[in-house]
Amino acid sequence: MNQQFTKDEYSKFVDKKSPNSHLAKDMAWAFIVGGIICTIGQGIMNFFTARGLPKETVSSITSILLILIAVILTALDLYDSIGKRAGAGSVVPITGFANSIASPAIEYKTEGYVMGLGAKMFTVAGPVLVYGISASIVVGFIYFLMH
């Protein structure tokens, strides 16, 4: 079927076929889930701070435990379900980054440790690392030149 649409007709067609966006509800879920993740992190920090550990050690332990929780939830196939509901609320914190590494690693493990797990582990996180590190170098260089 070869139909020709005007821009206005095509726009109406797309609007009719596209699912309705529930922006307020989606933002609320992102805020709630992101808040829960941060609250868990703060609880971990408070727990270890109350035991007299130094701030640097507490920060490291908190990051490690949040990453561990995210990887376990990914392995149990629960993190993706959380992400579908929470959107950016589950992606922005450190747990989302852990999920982006663990998920391909789990998915491609059957292809072997080198060509499966090793080669595919950074398919999602790799570009984030490359552009993040590159941007930090450029900004650092600009900062260096300005001072």
N, C-alpha and C. Protein backbone atom coordinates (compact mmCIF):
# COMPACT_ATOMS: atom_id res chain seq x y z
N MET A 1 0.85 -1.18 0.00
CA MET A 1 0.00 0.00 0.00
C MET A 1 0.89 1.24 0.00
N ASN A 2 0.79 2.02 -1.05
CA ASN A 2 1.62 3.19 -1.22
C ASN A 2 0.74 4.43 -1.11
N GLN A 3 0.63 4.98 0.12
CA GLN A 3 -0.19 6.15 0.34
C GLN A 3 0.68 7.38 0.44
N GLN A 4 0.23 8.47 -0.11
CA GLN A 4 0.94 9.74 0.01
C GLN A 4 0.20 10.60 1.03
N PHE A 5 0.94 11.07 2.02
CA PHE A 5 0.37 11.92 3.06
C PHE A 5 0.92 13.33 2.95
N THR A 6 0.10 14.31 3.27
CA THR A 6 0.62 15.65 3.46
C THR A 6 1.23 15.67 4.86
N LYS A 7 1.99 16.71 5.16
CA LYS A 7 2.61 16.80 6.48
C LYS A 7 1.56 16.81 7.58
N ASP A 8 0.46 17.50 7.36
CA ASP A 8 -0.60 17.58 8.36
C ASP A 8 -1.28 16.22 8.54
N GLU A 9 -1.56 15.54 7.44
CA GLU A 9 -2.19 14.21 7.51
C GLU A 9 -1.26 13.21 8.20
N TYR A 10 0.02 13.28 7.87
CA TYR A 10 0.98 12.37 8.48
C TYR A 10 1.07 12.62 9.99
N SER A 11 1.08 13.89 10.39
CA SER A 11 1.14 14.25 11.80
C SER A 11 -0.08 13.69 12.55
N LYS A 12 -1.27 13.83 11.95
CA LYS A 12 -2.49 13.29 12.56
C LYS A 12 -2.43 11.76 12.63
N PHE A 13 -1.91 11.13 11.59
CA PHE A 13 -1.78 9.67 11.55
C PHE A 13 -0.85 9.18 12.67
N VAL A 14 0.29 9.86 12.82
CA VAL A 14 1.25 9.48 13.86
C VAL A 14 0.64 9.68 15.25
N ASP A 15 -0.05 10.81 15.45
CA ASP A 15 -0.69 11.06 16.75
C ASP A 15 -1.72 10.00 17.09
N LYS A 16 -2.44 9.54 16.07
CA LYS A 16 -3.46 8.51 16.27
C LYS A 16 -2.85 7.16 16.64
N LYS A 17 -1.71 6.82 16.01
CA LYS A 17 -1.07 5.53 16.24
C LYS A 17 -0.15 5.50 17.46
N SER A 18 0.34 6.66 17.87
CA SER A 18 1.29 6.72 18.99
C SER A 18 0.56 6.56 20.32
N PRO A 19 1.20 5.86 21.27
CA PRO A 19 0.58 5.73 22.59
C PRO A 19 0.58 7.08 23.30
N ASN A 20 -0.43 7.29 24.11
CA ASN A 20 -0.52 8.53 24.87
C ASN A 20 0.57 8.57 25.93
N SER A 21 1.18 9.72 26.10
CA SER A 21 2.22 9.90 27.11
C SER A 21 1.57 10.33 28.42
N HIS A 22 2.01 9.69 29.47
CA HIS A 22 1.54 10.04 30.81
C HIS A 22 2.69 10.71 31.54
N LEU A 23 3.05 11.91 31.08
CA LEU A 23 4.26 12.58 31.54
C LEU A 23 4.28 12.78 33.05
N ALA A 24 3.20 13.26 33.62
CA ALA A 24 3.17 13.52 35.07
C ALA A 24 3.36 12.22 35.85
N LYS A 25 2.69 11.16 35.42
CA LYS A 25 2.81 9.87 36.10
C LYS A 25 4.21 9.30 35.94
N ASP A 26 4.78 9.41 34.73
CA ASP A 26 6.13 8.90 34.48
C ASP A 26 7.16 9.66 35.32
N MET A 27 7.01 10.98 35.41
CA MET A 27 7.94 11.77 36.21
C MET A 27 7.80 11.44 37.69
N ALA A 28 6.58 11.20 38.15
CA ALA A 28 6.36 10.84 39.55
C ALA A 28 7.05 9.51 39.87
N TRP A 29 6.89 8.52 38.99
CA TRP A 29 7.54 7.23 39.21
C TRP A 29 9.06 7.37 39.21
N ALA A 30 9.59 8.16 38.28
CA ALA A 30 11.04 8.37 38.23
C ALA A 30 11.53 9.01 39.52
N PHE A 31 10.79 9.99 40.00
CA PHE A 31 11.14 10.69 41.24
C PHE A 31 11.08 9.74 42.43
N ILE A 32 10.04 8.95 42.51
CA ILE A 32 9.86 8.03 43.64
C ILE A 32 10.94 6.95 43.65
N VAL A 33 11.16 6.29 42.51
CA VAL A 33 12.15 5.21 42.47
C VAL A 33 13.56 5.76 42.64
N GLY A 34 13.89 6.86 41.98
CA GLY A 34 15.19 7.48 42.19
C GLY A 34 15.38 7.88 43.65
N GLY A 35 14.32 8.39 44.26
CA GLY A 35 14.36 8.75 45.68
C GLY A 35 14.56 7.54 46.58
N ILE A 36 13.91 6.43 46.24
CA ILE A 36 14.08 5.20 47.04
C ILE A 36 15.52 4.70 46.93
N ILE A 37 16.08 4.72 45.72
CA ILE A 37 17.47 4.29 45.54
C ILE A 37 18.41 5.18 46.36
N CYS A 38 18.20 6.47 46.31
CA CYS A 38 19.04 7.39 47.07
C CYS A 38 18.84 7.22 48.58
N THR A 39 17.62 6.95 49.00
CA THR A 39 17.33 6.72 50.41
C THR A 39 18.03 5.46 50.91
N ILE A 40 18.03 4.41 50.09
CA ILE A 40 18.75 3.19 50.44
C ILE A 40 20.25 3.50 50.58
N GLY A 41 20.78 4.26 49.64
CA GLY A 41 22.19 4.65 49.71
C GLY A 41 22.48 5.46 50.97
N GLN A 42 21.60 6.39 51.31
CA GLN A 42 21.79 7.19 52.53
C GLN A 42 21.69 6.32 53.77
N GLY A 43 20.80 5.34 53.74
CA GLY A 43 20.69 4.41 54.87
C GLY A 43 21.96 3.61 55.06
N ILE A 44 22.54 3.15 53.96
CA ILE A 44 23.81 2.41 54.03
C ILE A 44 24.90 3.32 54.61
N MET A 45 24.94 4.57 54.13
CA MET A 45 25.94 5.52 54.64
C MET A 45 25.75 5.76 56.14
N ASN A 46 24.52 5.97 56.57
CA ASN A 46 24.25 6.21 57.98
C ASN A 46 24.64 5.01 58.83
N PHE A 47 24.36 3.81 58.34
CA PHE A 47 24.68 2.58 59.07
C PHE A 47 26.18 2.48 59.34
N PHE A 48 26.99 2.69 58.31
CA PHE A 48 28.44 2.54 58.47
C PHE A 48 29.08 3.75 59.15
N THR A 49 28.50 4.93 58.98
CA THR A 49 28.99 6.12 59.68
C THR A 49 28.78 5.96 61.18
N ALA A 50 27.62 5.41 61.57
CA ALA A 50 27.32 5.20 62.99
C ALA A 50 28.29 4.21 63.63
N ARG A 51 28.94 3.38 62.82
CA ARG A 51 29.91 2.43 63.34
C ARG A 51 31.32 3.01 63.39
N GLY A 52 31.45 4.30 63.09
CA GLY A 52 32.72 5.00 63.25
C GLY A 52 33.69 4.88 62.09
N LEU A 53 33.23 4.43 60.94
CA LEU A 53 34.13 4.32 59.79
C LEU A 53 34.38 5.70 59.19
N PRO A 54 35.56 5.92 58.60
CA PRO A 54 35.86 7.20 57.96
C PRO A 54 34.94 7.46 56.76
N LYS A 55 34.74 8.73 56.46
CA LYS A 55 33.83 9.14 55.39
C LYS A 55 34.20 8.52 54.04
N GLU A 56 35.50 8.49 53.70
CA GLU A 56 35.93 7.92 52.42
C GLU A 56 35.60 6.44 52.33
N THR A 57 35.80 5.73 53.44
CA THR A 57 35.49 4.30 53.47
C THR A 57 34.00 4.07 53.34
N VAL A 58 33.22 4.89 54.03
CA VAL A 58 31.75 4.77 53.97
C VAL A 58 31.26 5.02 52.56
N SER A 59 31.82 6.03 51.88
CA SER A 59 31.42 6.33 50.50
C SER A 59 31.72 5.16 49.58
N SER A 60 32.88 4.55 49.75
CA SER A 60 33.25 3.40 48.91
C SER A 60 32.33 2.20 49.17
N ILE A 61 32.08 1.92 50.44
CA ILE A 61 31.21 0.80 50.80
C ILE A 61 29.81 1.02 50.24
N THR A 62 29.31 2.25 50.33
CA THR A 62 27.97 2.56 49.83
C THR A 62 27.89 2.32 48.33
N SER A 63 28.88 2.81 47.59
CA SER A 63 28.88 2.60 46.14
C SER A 63 28.93 1.12 45.80
N ILE A 64 29.80 0.40 46.47
CA ILE A 64 29.95 -1.03 46.20
C ILE A 64 28.65 -1.78 46.50
N LEU A 65 28.01 -1.46 47.61
CA LEU A 65 26.77 -2.17 47.96
C LEU A 65 25.63 -1.82 47.00
N LEU A 66 25.54 -0.56 46.57
CA LEU A 66 24.50 -0.19 45.60
C LEU A 66 24.74 -0.90 44.27
N ILE A 67 25.99 -1.00 43.86
CA ILE A 67 26.31 -1.73 42.63
C ILE A 67 25.96 -3.20 42.78
N LEU A 68 26.30 -3.79 43.91
CA LEU A 68 25.99 -5.20 44.18
C LEU A 68 24.48 -5.44 44.14
N ILE A 69 23.72 -4.58 44.78
CA ILE A 69 22.25 -4.72 44.77
C ILE A 69 21.72 -4.65 43.34
N ALA A 70 22.22 -3.70 42.55
CA ALA A 70 21.75 -3.55 41.17
C ALA A 70 22.09 -4.78 40.34
N VAL A 71 23.29 -5.32 40.52
CA VAL A 71 23.70 -6.50 39.76
C VAL A 71 22.86 -7.70 40.15
N ILE A 72 22.59 -7.86 41.43
CA ILE A 72 21.74 -8.98 41.89
C ILE A 72 20.33 -8.83 41.32
N LEU A 73 19.77 -7.61 41.37
CA LEU A 73 18.43 -7.40 40.79
C LEU A 73 18.43 -7.63 39.29
N THR A 74 19.52 -7.28 38.61
CA THR A 74 19.64 -7.53 37.17
C THR A 74 19.68 -9.03 36.91
N ALA A 75 20.48 -9.75 37.69
CA ALA A 75 20.60 -11.20 37.51
C ALA A 75 19.27 -11.91 37.77
N LEU A 76 18.48 -11.38 38.69
CA LEU A 76 17.16 -11.95 38.99
C LEU A 76 16.08 -11.46 38.03
N ASP A 77 16.49 -10.66 37.03
CA ASP A 77 15.58 -10.09 36.02
C ASP A 77 14.52 -9.18 36.64
N LEU A 78 14.89 -8.49 37.71
CA LEU A 78 13.97 -7.56 38.37
C LEU A 78 14.28 -6.11 38.03
N TYR A 79 15.54 -5.80 37.76
CA TYR A 79 15.92 -4.40 37.52
C TYR A 79 15.26 -3.85 36.26
N ASP A 80 15.14 -4.66 35.23
CA ASP A 80 14.49 -4.19 34.00
C ASP A 80 13.02 -3.87 34.25
N SER A 81 12.36 -4.65 35.09
CA SER A 81 10.97 -4.37 35.43
C SER A 81 10.85 -3.04 36.18
N ILE A 82 11.80 -2.81 37.08
CA ILE A 82 11.82 -1.53 37.81
C ILE A 82 12.06 -0.39 36.81
N GLY A 83 13.01 -0.61 35.90
CA GLY A 83 13.34 0.42 34.92
C GLY A 83 12.20 0.76 33.97
N LYS A 84 11.39 -0.24 33.62
CA LYS A 84 10.25 0.02 32.73
C LYS A 84 9.24 0.95 33.40
N ARG A 85 9.11 0.82 34.69
CA ARG A 85 8.16 1.66 35.43
C ARG A 85 8.78 3.02 35.78
N ALA A 86 10.05 2.99 36.20
CA ALA A 86 10.67 4.19 36.76
C ALA A 86 11.41 5.05 35.74
N GLY A 87 11.75 4.48 34.60
CA GLY A 87 12.47 5.26 33.59
C GLY A 87 13.78 5.80 34.12
N ALA A 88 14.00 7.10 33.96
CA ALA A 88 15.26 7.73 34.35
C ALA A 88 15.53 7.62 35.83
N GLY A 89 14.52 7.41 36.64
CA GLY A 89 14.73 7.26 38.08
C GLY A 89 15.59 6.06 38.42
N SER A 90 15.59 5.06 37.57
CA SER A 90 16.41 3.88 37.81
C SER A 90 17.70 3.89 37.00
N VAL A 91 17.80 4.80 36.06
CA VAL A 91 18.96 4.82 35.16
C VAL A 91 20.03 5.79 35.63
N VAL A 92 19.65 6.90 36.20
CA VAL A 92 20.61 7.94 36.54
C VAL A 92 21.55 7.56 37.68
N PRO A 93 21.08 6.99 38.76
CA PRO A 93 22.01 6.66 39.85
C PRO A 93 23.02 5.60 39.44
N ILE A 94 23.99 5.35 40.28
CA ILE A 94 25.06 4.39 40.02
C ILE A 94 24.49 3.00 39.73
N THR A 95 23.31 2.72 40.24
CA THR A 95 22.69 1.42 40.01
C THR A 95 22.35 1.22 38.54
N GLY A 96 21.97 2.26 37.85
CA GLY A 96 21.67 2.16 36.42
C GLY A 96 22.90 1.84 35.61
N PHE A 97 24.03 2.41 36.00
CA PHE A 97 25.28 2.12 35.31
C PHE A 97 25.68 0.67 35.55
N ALA A 98 25.52 0.20 36.78
CA ALA A 98 25.83 -1.20 37.09
C ALA A 98 24.94 -2.13 36.26
N ASN A 99 23.68 -1.78 36.12
CA ASN A 99 22.75 -2.57 35.32
C ASN A 99 23.16 -2.59 33.85
N SER A 100 23.65 -1.45 33.35
CA SER A 100 24.03 -1.38 31.94
C SER A 100 25.26 -2.22 31.63
N ILE A 101 26.05 -2.54 32.63
CA ILE A 101 27.20 -3.42 32.42
C ILE A 101 26.82 -4.88 32.67
N ALA A 102 26.05 -5.11 33.73
CA ALA A 102 25.70 -6.49 34.11
C ALA A 102 24.73 -7.14 33.13
N SER A 103 23.80 -6.37 32.60
CA SER A 103 22.77 -6.94 31.73
C SER A 103 23.36 -7.58 30.47
N PRO A 104 24.20 -6.87 29.68
CA PRO A 104 24.80 -7.53 28.52
C PRO A 104 25.73 -8.68 28.91
N ALA A 105 26.42 -8.54 30.04
CA ALA A 105 27.32 -9.61 30.48
C ALA A 105 26.54 -10.89 30.74
N ILE A 106 25.39 -10.76 31.38
CA ILE A 106 24.55 -11.92 31.67
C ILE A 106 23.96 -12.48 30.38
N GLU A 107 23.52 -11.58 29.50
CA GLU A 107 22.87 -12.01 28.26
C GLU A 107 23.82 -12.76 27.34
N TYR A 108 25.07 -12.32 27.25
CA TYR A 108 26.01 -12.91 26.29
C TYR A 108 26.98 -13.90 26.91
N LYS A 109 26.80 -14.26 28.18
CA LYS A 109 27.71 -15.20 28.85
C LYS A 109 27.76 -16.55 28.13
N THR A 110 26.65 -16.96 27.54
CA THR A 110 26.60 -18.26 26.86
C THR A 110 27.50 -18.31 25.63
N GLU A 111 27.90 -17.15 25.11
CA GLU A 111 28.79 -17.11 23.95
C GLU A 111 30.25 -17.22 24.33
N GLY A 112 30.52 -17.40 25.61
CA GLY A 112 31.90 -17.55 26.09
C GLY A 112 32.36 -16.33 26.85
N TYR A 113 33.43 -16.53 27.59
CA TYR A 113 33.92 -15.44 28.43
C TYR A 113 34.63 -14.34 27.64
N VAL A 114 35.28 -14.68 26.54
CA VAL A 114 36.02 -13.66 25.78
C VAL A 114 35.11 -12.99 24.76
N MET A 115 34.54 -13.77 23.85
CA MET A 115 33.72 -13.20 22.77
C MET A 115 32.30 -12.85 23.22
N GLY A 116 31.84 -13.43 24.29
CA GLY A 116 30.51 -13.13 24.80
C GLY A 116 30.58 -12.08 25.89
N LEU A 117 30.93 -12.52 27.08
CA LEU A 117 30.94 -11.64 28.25
C LEU A 117 31.91 -10.48 28.08
N GLY A 118 33.16 -10.77 27.73
CA GLY A 118 34.17 -9.72 27.61
C GLY A 118 33.89 -8.72 26.51
N ALA A 119 33.44 -9.21 25.37
CA ALA A 119 33.23 -8.33 24.22
C ALA A 119 31.94 -7.51 24.32
N LYS A 120 30.95 -8.04 24.97
CA LYS A 120 29.64 -7.38 24.98
C LYS A 120 29.33 -6.61 26.27
N MET A 121 30.17 -6.79 27.30
CA MET A 121 29.86 -6.20 28.60
C MET A 121 29.72 -4.68 28.54
N PHE A 122 30.50 -4.01 27.71
CA PHE A 122 30.47 -2.56 27.67
C PHE A 122 29.74 -2.00 26.45
N THR A 123 28.85 -2.77 25.85
CA THR A 123 28.14 -2.29 24.66
C THR A 123 27.28 -1.07 24.99
N VAL A 124 26.69 -1.03 26.17
CA VAL A 124 25.87 0.12 26.57
C VAL A 124 26.72 1.13 27.30
N ALA A 125 27.54 0.68 28.24
CA ALA A 125 28.31 1.59 29.08
C ALA A 125 29.53 2.16 28.37
N GLY A 126 30.05 1.47 27.37
CA GLY A 126 31.26 1.91 26.68
C GLY A 126 31.18 3.32 26.13
N PRO A 127 30.16 3.64 25.33
CA PRO A 127 30.05 5.01 24.81
C PRO A 127 29.93 6.06 25.91
N VAL A 128 29.24 5.70 26.99
CA VAL A 128 29.11 6.64 28.12
C VAL A 128 30.49 6.92 28.70
N LEU A 129 31.29 5.87 28.86
CA LEU A 129 32.64 6.06 29.40
C LEU A 129 33.51 6.88 28.44
N VAL A 130 33.48 6.54 27.17
CA VAL A 130 34.32 7.24 26.19
C VAL A 130 33.98 8.73 26.14
N TYR A 131 32.70 9.06 25.98
CA TYR A 131 32.34 10.46 25.85
C TYR A 131 32.41 11.19 27.19
N GLY A 132 32.14 10.51 28.28
CA GLY A 132 32.28 11.13 29.59
C GLY A 132 33.71 11.48 29.90
N ILE A 133 34.61 10.54 29.65
CA ILE A 133 36.04 10.80 29.89
C ILE A 133 36.56 11.87 28.93
N SER A 134 36.16 11.79 27.67
CA SER A 134 36.59 12.80 26.69
C SER A 134 36.11 14.19 27.08
N ALA A 135 34.86 14.30 27.48
CA ALA A 135 34.32 15.60 27.88
C ALA A 135 35.04 16.13 29.11
N SER A 136 35.36 15.25 30.07
CA SER A 136 36.06 15.71 31.27
C SER A 136 37.47 16.20 30.94
N ILE A 137 38.12 15.58 29.96
CA ILE A 137 39.46 16.04 29.54
C ILE A 137 39.36 17.42 28.90
N VAL A 138 38.39 17.60 28.02
CA VAL A 138 38.22 18.90 27.36
C VAL A 138 37.90 19.99 28.38
N VAL A 139 36.96 19.72 29.28
CA VAL A 139 36.60 20.71 30.29
C VAL A 139 37.79 20.99 31.22
N GLY A 140 38.52 19.94 31.59
CA GLY A 140 39.70 20.12 32.43
C GLY A 140 40.76 20.97 31.75
N PHE A 141 40.95 20.75 30.46
CA PHE A 141 41.92 21.53 29.71
C PHE A 141 41.49 23.00 29.63
N ILE A 142 40.22 23.23 29.37
CA ILE A 142 39.70 24.61 29.32
C ILE A 142 39.88 25.28 30.69
N TYR A 143 39.57 24.56 31.75
CA TYR A 143 39.74 25.08 33.09
C TYR A 143 41.21 25.43 33.35
N PHE A 144 42.12 24.54 32.92
CA PHE A 144 43.56 24.76 33.08
C PHE A 144 43.98 26.03 32.36
N LEU A 145 43.49 26.24 31.12
CA LEU A 145 43.87 27.42 30.35
C LEU A 145 43.33 28.71 30.97
N MET A 146 42.17 28.62 31.62
CA MET A 146 41.55 29.82 32.20
C MET A 146 42.21 30.22 33.54
N HIS A 147 42.92 29.31 34.16
CA HIS A 147 43.51 29.63 35.46
C HIS A 147 44.98 29.61 35.37
